[in-house]
Amino acid sequence: MNLPTMTKADLVEEVIRATELPRKESETIVETIFESIIQTLKEDKKIEIRGFGSFRTRQRRGRIGRNPKTGEKVEVPAKRIPFFKPSKELKEFVNGESSGQPAPAPAPTPAPR
């Protein structure tokens, strides 16, 4: 199933719509936010946006992997990876809980014949 995707250009359009600022200034706002997040993570600092979530880096251990083409063992080095943890409020909103309505029930599965 192909879900619709919001792109950086869509975010710029949203800033234009909400603020009525010119496109160039709206692009600068979106770019500045992303650059700030990236720079803070590079400095191994945590970013917390209340009501939205937090960004930080996690250390991934090195391991032995396999080359899928040859099956040969390959050493995968340790590295830092970005990690996002959504806030409780964001989780509730996504699940329809914050608007006072219950989360939608899962679709019933047909009985086997």
PDB file of N, CA and C in Angstrom:
ATOM      1  N   MET A   1       0.843  -1.178   0.000  1.00  0.00           N
ATOM      2  CA  MET A   1       0.000   0.000   0.000  1.00  0.00           C
ATOM      3  C   MET A   1       0.892   1.245   0.000  1.00  0.00           C
ATOM      4  N   ASN A   2       0.640   2.166  -0.893  1.00  0.00           N
ATOM      5  CA  ASN A   2       1.403   3.397  -0.999  1.00  0.00           C
ATOM      6  C   ASN A   2       0.722   4.507  -0.210  1.00  0.00           C
ATOM      7  N   LEU A   3       1.347   4.938   0.870  1.00  0.00           N
ATOM      8  CA  LEU A   3       0.790   6.025   1.673  1.00  0.00           C
ATOM      9  C   LEU A   3       1.280   7.356   1.127  1.00  0.00           C
ATOM     10  N   PRO A   4       0.471   8.407   1.247  1.00  0.00           N
ATOM     11  CA  PRO A   4       0.940   9.726   0.821  1.00  0.00           C
ATOM     12  C   PRO A   4       2.131  10.151   1.688  1.00  0.00           C
ATOM     13  N   THR A   5       3.051  10.865   1.072  1.00  0.00           N
ATOM     14  CA  THR A   5       4.262  11.292   1.765  1.00  0.00           C
ATOM     15  C   THR A   5       4.344  12.808   1.780  1.00  0.00           C
ATOM     16  N   MET A   6       4.653  13.370   2.946  1.00  0.00           N
ATOM     17  CA  MET A   6       4.880  14.815   3.027  1.00  0.00           C
ATOM     18  C   MET A   6       6.367  15.051   2.804  1.00  0.00           C
ATOM     19  N   THR A   7       6.704  15.937   1.893  1.00  0.00           N
ATOM     20  CA  THR A   7       8.092  16.237   1.566  1.00  0.00           C
ATOM     21  C   THR A   7       8.504  17.572   2.180  1.00  0.00           C
ATOM     22  N   LYS A   8       9.787  17.878   2.044  1.00  0.00           N
ATOM     23  CA  LYS A   8      10.286  19.171   2.527  1.00  0.00           C
ATOM     24  C   LYS A   8       9.567  20.306   1.802  1.00  0.00           C
ATOM     25  N   ALA A   9       9.315  20.138   0.513  1.00  0.00           N
ATOM     26  CA  ALA A   9       8.586  21.159  -0.257  1.00  0.00           C
ATOM     27  C   ALA A   9       7.176  21.355   0.300  1.00  0.00           C
ATOM     28  N   ASP A  10       6.547  20.259   0.742  1.00  0.00           N
ATOM     29  CA  ASP A  10       5.219  20.358   1.358  1.00  0.00           C
ATOM     30  C   ASP A  10       5.290  21.133   2.669  1.00  0.00           C
ATOM     31  N   LEU A  11       6.341  20.907   3.427  1.00  0.00           N
ATOM     32  CA  LEU A  11       6.519  21.657   4.681  1.00  0.00           C
ATOM     33  C   LEU A  11       6.691  23.145   4.401  1.00  0.00           C
ATOM     34  N   VAL A  12       7.464  23.471   3.371  1.00  0.00           N
ATOM     35  CA  VAL A  12       7.646  24.875   2.984  1.00  0.00           C
ATOM     36  C   VAL A  12       6.289  25.477   2.623  1.00  0.00           C
ATOM     37  N   GLU A  13       5.494  24.747   1.848  1.00  0.00           N
ATOM     38  CA  GLU A  13       4.154  25.228   1.481  1.00  0.00           C
ATOM     39  C   GLU A  13       3.289  25.469   2.713  1.00  0.00           C
ATOM     40  N   GLU A  14       3.407  24.601   3.702  1.00  0.00           N
ATOM     41  CA  GLU A  14       2.641  24.744   4.934  1.00  0.00           C
ATOM     42  C   GLU A  14       3.066  26.004   5.696  1.00  0.00           C
ATOM     43  N   VAL A  15       4.374  26.285   5.731  1.00  0.00           N
ATOM     44  CA  VAL A  15       4.863  27.511   6.384  1.00  0.00           C
ATOM     45  C   VAL A  15       4.338  28.738   5.642  1.00  0.00           C
ATOM     46  N   ILE A  16       4.360  28.702   4.310  1.00  0.00           N
ATOM     47  CA  ILE A  16       3.842  29.813   3.502  1.00  0.00           C
ATOM     48  C   ILE A  16       2.364  30.043   3.835  1.00  0.00           C
ATOM     49  N   ARG A  17       1.598  28.959   3.873  1.00  0.00           N
ATOM     50  CA  ARG A  17       0.169  29.061   4.147  1.00  0.00           C
ATOM     51  C   ARG A  17      -0.101  29.620   5.556  1.00  0.00           C
ATOM     52  N   ALA A  18       0.639  29.126   6.545  1.00  0.00           N
ATOM     53  CA  ALA A  18       0.389  29.516   7.932  1.00  0.00           C
ATOM     54  C   ALA A  18       0.875  30.923   8.250  1.00  0.00           C
ATOM     55  N   THR A  19       1.972  31.356   7.614  1.00  0.00           N
ATOM     56  CA  THR A  19       2.574  32.637   7.976  1.00  0.00           C
ATOM     57  C   THR A  19       2.390  33.730   6.933  1.00  0.00           C
ATOM     58  N   GLU A  20       2.047  33.318   5.701  1.00  0.00           N
ATOM     59  CA  GLU A  20       1.948  34.230   4.567  1.00  0.00           C
ATOM     60  C   GLU A  20       3.289  34.933   4.272  1.00  0.00           C
ATOM     61  N   LEU A  21       4.385  34.275   4.668  1.00  0.00           N
ATOM     62  CA  LEU A  21       5.720  34.785   4.342  1.00  0.00           C
ATOM     63  C   LEU A  21       6.057  34.403   2.906  1.00  0.00           C
ATOM     64  N   PRO A  22       6.984  35.133   2.282  1.00  0.00           N
ATOM     65  CA  PRO A  22       7.429  34.763   0.926  1.00  0.00           C
ATOM     66  C   PRO A  22       8.090  33.378   0.932  1.00  0.00           C
ATOM     67  N   ARG A  23       8.089  32.735  -0.234  1.00  0.00           N
ATOM     68  CA  ARG A  23       8.656  31.392  -0.373  1.00  0.00           C
ATOM     69  C   ARG A  23      10.103  31.327   0.128  1.00  0.00           C
ATOM     70  N   LYS A  24      10.925  32.287  -0.254  1.00  0.00           N
ATOM     71  CA  LYS A  24      12.347  32.250   0.112  1.00  0.00           C
ATOM     72  C   LYS A  24      12.516  32.229   1.632  1.00  0.00           C
ATOM     73  N   GLU A  25      11.761  33.066   2.329  1.00  0.00           N
ATOM     74  CA  GLU A  25      11.858  33.107   3.791  1.00  0.00           C
ATOM     75  C   GLU A  25      11.325  31.811   4.406  1.00  0.00           C
ATOM     76  N   SER A  26      10.273  31.267   3.840  1.00  0.00           N
ATOM     77  CA  SER A  26       9.714  30.004   4.342  1.00  0.00           C
ATOM     78  C   SER A  26      10.707  28.857   4.148  1.00  0.00           C
ATOM     79  N   GLU A  27      11.379  28.830   3.000  1.00  0.00           N
ATOM     80  CA  GLU A  27      12.407  27.814   2.757  1.00  0.00           C
ATOM     81  C   GLU A  27      13.537  27.949   3.772  1.00  0.00           C
ATOM     82  N   THR A  28      13.928  29.186   4.083  1.00  0.00           N
ATOM     83  CA  THR A  28      14.986  29.428   5.055  1.00  0.00           C
ATOM     84  C   THR A  28      14.591  28.915   6.431  1.00  0.00           C
ATOM     85  N   ILE A  29      13.350  29.110   6.818  1.00  0.00           N
ATOM     86  CA  ILE A  29      12.861  28.639   8.123  1.00  0.00           C
ATOM     87  C   ILE A  29      12.968  27.115   8.206  1.00  0.00           C
ATOM     88  N   VAL A  30      12.447  26.428   7.196  1.00  0.00           N
ATOM     89  CA  VAL A  30      12.468  24.962   7.201  1.00  0.00           C
ATOM     90  C   VAL A  30      13.910  24.453   7.190  1.00  0.00           C
ATOM     91  N   GLU A  31      14.757  25.009   6.337  1.00  0.00           N
ATOM     92  CA  GLU A  31      16.166  24.600   6.261  1.00  0.00           C
ATOM     93  C   GLU A  31      16.880  24.832   7.587  1.00  0.00           C
ATOM     94  N   THR A  32      16.620  25.977   8.229  1.00  0.00           N
ATOM     95  CA  THR A  32      17.275  26.303   9.496  1.00  0.00           C
ATOM     96  C   THR A  32      16.900  25.295  10.577  1.00  0.00           C
ATOM     97  N   ILE A  33      15.639  24.899  10.616  1.00  0.00           N
ATOM     98  CA  ILE A  33      15.207  23.907  11.608  1.00  0.00           C
ATOM     99  C   ILE A  33      15.938  22.585  11.376  1.00  0.00           C
ATOM    100  N   PHE A  34      15.957  22.113  10.128  1.00  0.00           N
ATOM    101  CA  PHE A  34      16.628  20.852   9.836  1.00  0.00           C
ATOM    102  C   PHE A  34      18.126  20.937  10.124  1.00  0.00           C
ATOM    103  N   GLU A  35      18.769  22.015   9.718  1.00  0.00           N
ATOM    104  CA  GLU A  35      20.204  22.172   9.957  1.00  0.00           C
ATOM    105  C   GLU A  35      20.513  22.217  11.450  1.00  0.00           C
ATOM    106  N   SER A  36      19.645  22.857  12.225  1.00  0.00           N
ATOM    107  CA  SER A  36      19.839  22.924  13.676  1.00  0.00           C
ATOM    108  C   SER A  36      19.741  21.544  14.306  1.00  0.00           C
ATOM    109  N   ILE A  37      18.766  20.760  13.866  1.00  0.00           N
ATOM    110  CA  ILE A  37      18.610  19.400  14.389  1.00  0.00           C
ATOM    111  C   ILE A  37      19.839  18.564  14.042  1.00  0.00           C
ATOM    112  N   ILE A  38      20.284  18.629  12.792  1.00  0.00           N
ATOM    113  CA  ILE A  38      21.442  17.849  12.343  1.00  0.00           C
ATOM    114  C   ILE A  38      22.695  18.252  13.116  1.00  0.00           C
ATOM    115  N   GLN A  39      22.937  19.551  13.253  1.00  0.00           N
ATOM    116  CA  GLN A  39      24.136  20.028  13.954  1.00  0.00           C
ATOM    117  C   GLN A  39      24.124  19.594  15.415  1.00  0.00           C
ATOM    118  N   THR A  40      22.962  19.676  16.067  1.00  0.00           N
ATOM    119  CA  THR A  40      22.862  19.279  17.468  1.00  0.00           C
ATOM    120  C   THR A  40      23.142  17.784  17.626  1.00  0.00           C
ATOM    121  N   LEU A  41      22.616  16.960  16.710  1.00  0.00           N
ATOM    122  CA  LEU A  41      22.891  15.528  16.770  1.00  0.00           C
ATOM    123  C   LEU A  41      24.358  15.224  16.500  1.00  0.00           C
ATOM    124  N   LYS A  42      24.987  15.976  15.588  1.00  0.00           N
ATOM    125  CA  LYS A  42      26.424  15.794  15.321  1.00  0.00           C
ATOM    126  C   LYS A  42      27.244  16.058  16.573  1.00  0.00           C
ATOM    127  N   GLU A  43      26.768  16.991  17.397  1.00  0.00           N
ATOM    128  CA  GLU A  43      27.464  17.336  18.646  1.00  0.00           C
ATOM    129  C   GLU A  43      27.096  16.381  19.776  1.00  0.00           C
ATOM    130  N   ASP A  44      26.370  15.321  19.452  1.00  0.00           N
ATOM    131  CA  ASP A  44      25.941  14.298  20.391  1.00  0.00           C
ATOM    132  C   ASP A  44      25.100  14.879  21.528  1.00  0.00           C
ATOM    133  N   LYS A  45      24.248  15.842  21.178  1.00  0.00           N
ATOM    134  CA  LYS A  45      23.327  16.435  22.135  1.00  0.00           C
ATOM    135  C   LYS A  45      21.919  15.961  21.824  1.00  0.00           C
ATOM    136  N   LYS A  46      21.027  16.090  22.804  1.00  0.00           N
ATOM    137  CA  LYS A  46      19.640  15.671  22.657  1.00  0.00           C
ATOM    138  C   LYS A  46      18.779  16.894  22.335  1.00  0.00           C
ATOM    139  N   ILE A  47      17.755  16.690  21.523  1.00  0.00           N
ATOM    140  CA  ILE A  47      16.799  17.749  21.183  1.00  0.00           C
ATOM    141  C   ILE A  47      15.450  17.309  21.724  1.00  0.00           C
ATOM    142  N   GLU A  48      14.816  18.160  22.515  1.00  0.00           N
ATOM    143  CA  GLU A  48      13.503  17.833  23.056  1.00  0.00           C
ATOM    144  C   GLU A  48      12.508  18.899  22.641  1.00  0.00           C
ATOM    145  N   ILE A  49      11.465  18.482  21.949  1.00  0.00           N
ATOM    146  CA  ILE A  49      10.396  19.387  21.525  1.00  0.00           C
ATOM    147  C   ILE A  49       9.141  18.916  22.255  1.00  0.00           C
ATOM    148  N   ARG A  50       8.785  19.629  23.310  1.00  0.00           N
ATOM    149  CA  ARG A  50       7.660  19.225  24.165  1.00  0.00           C
ATOM    150  C   ARG A  50       6.377  19.076  23.348  1.00  0.00           C
ATOM    151  N   GLY A  51       5.665  18.004  23.601  1.00  0.00           N
ATOM    152  CA  GLY A  51       4.427  17.728  22.888  1.00  0.00           C
ATOM    153  C   GLY A  51       4.645  17.074  21.534  1.00  0.00           C
ATOM    154  N   PHE A  52       5.905  16.941  21.110  1.00  0.00           N
ATOM    155  CA  PHE A  52       6.209  16.327  19.817  1.00  0.00           C
ATOM    156  C   PHE A  52       7.088  15.095  20.005  1.00  0.00           C
ATOM    157  N   GLY A  53       8.276  15.282  20.597  1.00  0.00           N
ATOM    158  CA  GLY A  53       9.168  14.160  20.825  1.00  0.00           C
ATOM    159  C   GLY A  53      10.596  14.626  20.999  1.00  0.00           C
ATOM    160  N   SER A  54      11.506  13.669  21.038  1.00  0.00           N
ATOM    161  CA  SER A  54      12.916  14.003  21.213  1.00  0.00           C
ATOM    162  C   SER A  54      13.775  13.253  20.202  1.00  0.00           C
ATOM    163  N   PHE A  55      14.858  13.903  19.808  1.00  0.00           N
ATOM    164  CA  PHE A  55      15.847  13.332  18.905  1.00  0.00           C
ATOM    165  C   PHE A  55      17.135  13.148  19.694  1.00  0.00           C
ATOM    166  N   ARG A  56      17.814  12.050  19.457  1.00  0.00           N
ATOM    167  CA  ARG A  56      19.135  11.835  20.035  1.00  0.00           C
ATOM    168  C   ARG A  56      19.856  10.804  19.178  1.00  0.00           C
ATOM    169  N   THR A  57      21.096  10.540  19.529  1.00  0.00           N
ATOM    170  CA  THR A  57      21.817   9.502  18.801  1.00  0.00           C
ATOM    171  C   THR A  57      21.977   8.296  19.716  1.00  0.00           C
ATOM    172  N   ARG A  58      22.040   7.147  19.109  1.00  0.00           N
ATOM    173  CA  ARG A  58      22.313   5.902  19.817  1.00  0.00           C
ATOM    174  C   ARG A  58      23.554   5.281  19.207  1.00  0.00           C
ATOM    175  N   GLN A  59      24.292   4.591  20.047  1.00  0.00           N
ATOM    176  CA  GLN A  59      25.494   3.908  19.567  1.00  0.00           C
ATOM    177  C   GLN A  59      25.103   2.500  19.130  1.00  0.00           C
ATOM    178  N   ARG A  60      25.441   2.150  17.916  1.00  0.00           N
ATOM    179  CA  ARG A  60      25.192   0.793  17.417  1.00  0.00           C
ATOM    180  C   ARG A  60      26.532   0.058  17.443  1.00  0.00           C
ATOM    181  N   ARG A  61      26.549  -1.105  18.054  1.00  0.00           N
ATOM    182  CA  ARG A  61      27.782  -1.882  18.164  1.00  0.00           C
ATOM    183  C   ARG A  61      28.225  -2.403  16.804  1.00  0.00           C
ATOM    184  N   GLY A  62      29.520  -2.637  16.690  1.00  0.00           N
ATOM    185  CA  GLY A  62      30.047  -3.280  15.491  1.00  0.00           C
ATOM    186  C   GLY A  62      29.613  -4.739  15.477  1.00  0.00           C
ATOM    187  N   ARG A  63      29.590  -5.336  14.313  1.00  0.00           N
ATOM    188  CA  ARG A  63      29.162  -6.728  14.201  1.00  0.00           C
ATOM    189  C   ARG A  63      29.758  -7.337  12.939  1.00  0.00           C
ATOM    190  N   ILE A  64      29.586  -8.622  12.835  1.00  0.00           N
ATOM    191  CA  ILE A  64      30.003  -9.326  11.628  1.00  0.00           C
ATOM    192  C   ILE A  64      28.744  -9.537  10.783  1.00  0.00           C
ATOM    193  N   GLY A  65      28.764  -9.040   9.552  1.00  0.00           N
ATOM    194  CA  GLY A  65      27.648  -9.208   8.634  1.00  0.00           C
ATOM    195  C   GLY A  65      28.070 -10.084   7.472  1.00  0.00           C
ATOM    196  N   ARG A  66      27.199 -10.226   6.510  1.00  0.00           N
ATOM    197  CA  ARG A  66      27.510 -11.011   5.315  1.00  0.00           C
ATOM    198  C   ARG A  66      27.211 -10.191   4.072  1.00  0.00           C
ATOM    199  N   ASN A  67      28.095 -10.302   3.095  1.00  0.00           N
ATOM    200  CA  ASN A  67      27.865  -9.690   1.800  1.00  0.00           C
ATOM    201  C   ASN A  67      26.771 -10.506   1.120  1.00  0.00           C
ATOM    202  N   PRO A  68      25.630  -9.871   0.786  1.00  0.00           N
ATOM    203  CA  PRO A  68      24.529 -10.658   0.214  1.00  0.00           C
ATOM    204  C   PRO A  68      24.848 -11.298  -1.132  1.00  0.00           C
ATOM    205  N   LYS A  69      25.764 -10.702  -1.889  1.00  0.00           N
ATOM    206  CA  LYS A  69      26.107 -11.275  -3.197  1.00  0.00           C
ATOM    207  C   LYS A  69      27.005 -12.506  -3.065  1.00  0.00           C
ATOM    208  N   THR A  70      28.044 -12.377  -2.226  1.00  0.00           N
ATOM    209  CA  THR A  70      29.048 -13.438  -2.156  1.00  0.00           C
ATOM    210  C   THR A  70      28.891 -14.338  -0.940  1.00  0.00           C
ATOM    211  N   GLY A  71      28.163 -13.869   0.086  1.00  0.00           N
ATOM    212  CA  GLY A  71      28.038 -14.648   1.312  1.00  0.00           C
ATOM    213  C   GLY A  71      29.258 -14.501   2.206  1.00  0.00           C
ATOM    214  N   GLU A  72      30.231 -13.708   1.744  1.00  0.00           N
ATOM    215  CA  GLU A  72      31.473 -13.507   2.487  1.00  0.00           C
ATOM    216  C   GLU A  72      31.201 -12.708   3.761  1.00  0.00           C
ATOM    217  N   LYS A  73      31.913 -13.059   4.857  1.00  0.00           N
ATOM    218  CA  LYS A  73      31.767 -12.325   6.110  1.00  0.00           C
ATOM    219  C   LYS A  73      32.413 -10.947   5.965  1.00  0.00           C
ATOM    220  N   VAL A  74      31.707  -9.935   6.504  1.00  0.00           N
ATOM    221  CA  VAL A  74      32.189  -8.564   6.417  1.00  0.00           C
ATOM    222  C   VAL A  74      32.046  -7.931   7.795  1.00  0.00           C
ATOM    223  N   GLU A  75      33.075  -7.195   8.208  1.00  0.00           N
ATOM    224  CA  GLU A  75      33.004  -6.510   9.493  1.00  0.00           C
ATOM    225  C   GLU A  75      32.253  -5.190   9.311  1.00  0.00           C
ATOM    226  N   VAL A  76      31.177  -5.014  10.078  1.00  0.00           N
ATOM    227  CA  VAL A  76      30.393  -3.776  10.054  1.00  0.00           C
ATOM    228  C   VAL A  76      30.824  -2.981  11.275  1.00  0.00           C
ATOM    229  N   PRO A  77      31.409  -1.791  11.085  1.00  0.00           N
ATOM    230  CA  PRO A  77      31.937  -1.038  12.221  1.00  0.00           C
ATOM    231  C   PRO A  77      30.831  -0.441  13.093  1.00  0.00           C
ATOM    232  N   ALA A  78      31.176  -0.121  14.332  1.00  0.00           N
ATOM    233  CA  ALA A  78      30.256   0.557  15.244  1.00  0.00           C
ATOM    234  C   ALA A  78      29.967   1.944  14.678  1.00  0.00           C
ATOM    235  N   LYS A  79      28.763   2.452  14.955  1.00  0.00           N
ATOM    236  CA  LYS A  79      28.422   3.790  14.459  1.00  0.00           C
ATOM    237  C   LYS A  79      27.305   4.380  15.296  1.00  0.00           C
ATOM    238  N   ARG A  80      27.158   5.684  15.196  1.00  0.00           N
ATOM    239  CA  ARG A  80      26.053   6.380  15.851  1.00  0.00           C
ATOM    240  C   ARG A  80      24.920   6.515  14.844  1.00  0.00           C
ATOM    241  N   ILE A  81      23.690   6.316  15.343  1.00  0.00           N
ATOM    242  CA  ILE A  81      22.530   6.464  14.470  1.00  0.00           C
ATOM    243  C   ILE A  81      21.545   7.439  15.111  1.00  0.00           C
ATOM    244  N   PRO A  82      20.833   8.245  14.304  1.00  0.00           N
ATOM    245  CA  PRO A  82      19.824   9.137  14.870  1.00  0.00           C
ATOM    246  C   PRO A  82      18.614   8.329  15.323  1.00  0.00           C
ATOM    247  N   PHE A  83      17.993   8.774  16.406  1.00  0.00           N
ATOM    248  CA  PHE A  83      16.847   8.076  16.970  1.00  0.00           C
ATOM    249  C   PHE A  83      15.801   9.111  17.381  1.00  0.00           C
ATOM    250  N   PHE A  84      14.531   8.864  17.037  1.00  0.00           N
ATOM    251  CA  PHE A  84      13.425   9.747  17.418  1.00  0.00           C
ATOM    252  C   PHE A  84      12.491   9.002  18.344  1.00  0.00           C
ATOM    253  N   LYS A  85      12.146   9.634  19.457  1.00  0.00           N
ATOM    254  CA  LYS A  85      11.183   9.058  20.388  1.00  0.00           C
ATOM    255  C   LYS A  85       9.994  10.002  20.461  1.00  0.00           C
ATOM    256  N   PRO A  86       8.819   9.566  19.993  1.00  0.00           N
ATOM    257  CA  PRO A  86       7.640  10.450  20.025  1.00  0.00           C
ATOM    258  C   PRO A  86       7.170  10.679  21.455  1.00  0.00           C
ATOM    259  N   SER A  87       6.587  11.851  21.702  1.00  0.00           N
ATOM    260  CA  SER A  87       6.047  12.161  23.022  1.00  0.00           C
ATOM    261  C   SER A  87       4.743  11.401  23.233  1.00  0.00           C
ATOM    262  N   LYS A  88       4.324  11.326  24.479  1.00  0.00           N
ATOM    263  CA  LYS A  88       3.048  10.690  24.808  1.00  0.00           C
ATOM    264  C   LYS A  88       1.915  11.399  24.064  1.00  0.00           C
ATOM    265  N   GLU A  89       1.958  12.743  24.021  1.00  0.00           N
ATOM    266  CA  GLU A  89       0.913  13.519  23.351  1.00  0.00           C
ATOM    267  C   GLU A  89       0.847  13.186  21.863  1.00  0.00           C
ATOM    268  N   LEU A  90       2.000  13.060  21.209  1.00  0.00           N
ATOM    269  CA  LEU A  90       2.017  12.736  19.781  1.00  0.00           C
ATOM    270  C   LEU A  90       1.448  11.342  19.544  1.00  0.00           C
ATOM    271  N   LYS A  91       1.830  10.384  20.381  1.00  0.00           N
ATOM    272  CA  LYS A  91       1.297   9.022  20.243  1.00  0.00           C
ATOM    273  C   LYS A  91      -0.224   9.026  20.379  1.00  0.00           C
ATOM    274  N   GLU A  92      -0.716   9.762  21.378  1.00  0.00           N
ATOM    275  CA  GLU A  92      -2.165   9.826  21.587  1.00  0.00           C
ATOM    276  C   GLU A  92      -2.864  10.493  20.407  1.00  0.00           C
ATOM    277  N   PHE A  93      -2.269  11.565  19.892  1.00  0.00           N
ATOM    278  CA  PHE A  93      -2.872  12.265  18.771  1.00  0.00           C
ATOM    279  C   PHE A  93      -2.952  11.370  17.539  1.00  0.00           C
ATOM    280  N   VAL A  94      -1.872  10.667  17.241  1.00  0.00           N
ATOM    281  CA  VAL A  94      -1.833   9.784  16.072  1.00  0.00           C
ATOM    282  C   VAL A  94      -2.874   8.679  16.202  1.00  0.00           C
ATOM    283  N   ASN A  95      -3.116   8.240  17.429  1.00  0.00           N
ATOM    284  CA  ASN A  95      -4.087   7.172  17.662  1.00  0.00           C
ATOM    285  C   ASN A  95      -5.492   7.689  17.922  1.00  0.00           C
ATOM    286  N   GLY A  96      -5.712   8.998  17.738  1.00  0.00           N
ATOM    287  CA  GLY A  96      -7.040   9.563  17.877  1.00  0.00           C
ATOM    288  C   GLY A  96      -7.512   9.700  19.304  1.00  0.00           C
ATOM    289  N   GLU A  97      -6.603   9.592  20.280  1.00  0.00           N
ATOM    290  CA  GLU A  97      -6.990   9.628  21.678  1.00  0.00           C
ATOM    291  C   GLU A  97      -7.065  11.040  22.247  1.00  0.00           C
ATOM    292  N   SER A  98      -6.299  11.983  21.698  1.00  0.00           N
ATOM    293  CA  SER A  98      -6.239  13.320  22.291  1.00  0.00           C
ATOM    294  C   SER A  98      -7.452  14.165  21.949  1.00  0.00           C
ATOM    295  N   SER A  99      -8.197  13.806  20.940  1.00  0.00           N
ATOM    296  CA  SER A  99      -9.354  14.609  20.552  1.00  0.00           C
ATOM    297  C   SER A  99     -10.622  14.144  21.257  1.00  0.00           C
ATOM    298  N   GLY A 100     -10.456  13.275  22.263  1.00  0.00           N
ATOM    299  CA  GLY A 100     -11.611  12.805  23.003  1.00  0.00           C
ATOM    300  C   GLY A 100     -12.305  11.620  22.345  1.00  0.00           C
ATOM    301  N   GLN A 101     -11.830  11.202  21.202  1.00  0.00           N
ATOM    302  CA  GLN A 101     -12.444  10.062  20.536  1.00  0.00           C
ATOM    303  C   GLN A 101     -11.529   8.855  20.665  1.00  0.00           C
ATOM    304  N   PRO A 102     -12.076   7.663  20.806  1.00  0.00           N
ATOM    305  CA  PRO A 102     -11.230   6.478  20.947  1.00  0.00           C
ATOM    306  C   PRO A 102     -10.512   6.162  19.642  1.00  0.00           C
ATOM    307  N   ALA A 103      -9.426   5.451  19.790  1.00  0.00           N
ATOM    308  CA  ALA A 103      -8.685   5.010  18.605  1.00  0.00           C
ATOM    309  C   ALA A 103      -9.589   4.098  17.786  1.00  0.00           C
ATOM    310  N   PRO A 104      -9.480   4.143  16.456  1.00  0.00           N
ATOM    311  CA  PRO A 104     -10.342   3.296  15.630  1.00  0.00           C
ATOM    312  C   PRO A 104     -10.072   1.822  15.903  1.00  0.00           C
ATOM    313  N   ALA A 105     -11.123   1.025  15.915  1.00  0.00           N
ATOM    314  CA  ALA A 105     -10.980  -0.422  16.140  1.00  0.00           C
ATOM    315  C   ALA A 105     -10.370  -1.046  14.902  1.00  0.00           C
ATOM    316  N   PRO A 106      -9.548  -2.077  15.093  1.00  0.00           N
ATOM    317  CA  PRO A 106      -8.976  -2.751  13.915  1.00  0.00           C
ATOM    318  C   PRO A 106     -10.078  -3.397  13.093  1.00  0.00           C
ATOM    319  N   ALA A 107      -9.852  -3.490  11.807  1.00  0.00           N
ATOM    320  CA  ALA A 107     -10.839  -4.099  10.910  1.00  0.00           C
ATOM    321  C   ALA A 107     -10.989  -5.569  11.265  1.00  0.00           C
ATOM    322  N   PRO A 108     -12.211  -6.088  11.265  1.00  0.00           N
ATOM    323  CA  PRO A 108     -12.400  -7.496  11.597  1.00  0.00           C
ATOM    324  C   PRO A 108     -11.775  -8.383  10.524  1.00  0.00           C
ATOM    325  N   THR A 109     -11.214  -9.479  10.973  1.00  0.00           N
ATOM    326  CA  THR A 109     -10.615 -10.416  10.021  1.00  0.00           C
ATOM    327  C   THR A 109     -11.667 -11.438   9.633  1.00  0.00           C
ATOM    328  N   PRO A 110     -11.770 -11.767   8.368  1.00  0.00           N
ATOM    329  CA  PRO A 110     -12.774 -12.741   7.939  1.00  0.00           C
ATOM    330  C   PRO A 110     -12.466 -14.116   8.521  1.00  0.00           C
ATOM    331  N   ALA A 111     -13.516 -14.837   8.867  1.00  0.00           N
ATOM    332  CA  ALA A 111     -13.355 -16.196   9.398  1.00  0.00           C
ATOM    333  C   ALA A 111     -12.892 -17.120   8.275  1.00  0.00           C
ATOM    334  N   PRO A 112     -11.990 -18.041   8.596  1.00  0.00           N
ATOM    335  CA  PRO A 112     -11.529 -18.976   7.555  1.00  0.00           C
ATOM    336  C   PRO A 112     -12.674 -19.883   7.122  1.00  0.00           C
ATOM    337  N   ARG A 113     -12.688 -20.247   5.865  1.00  0.00           N
ATOM    338  CA  ARG A 113     -13.758 -21.103   5.310  1.00  0.00           C
ATOM    339  C   ARG A 113     -13.319 -22.524   5.231  1.00  0.00           C
TER     340      ARG A 113
END
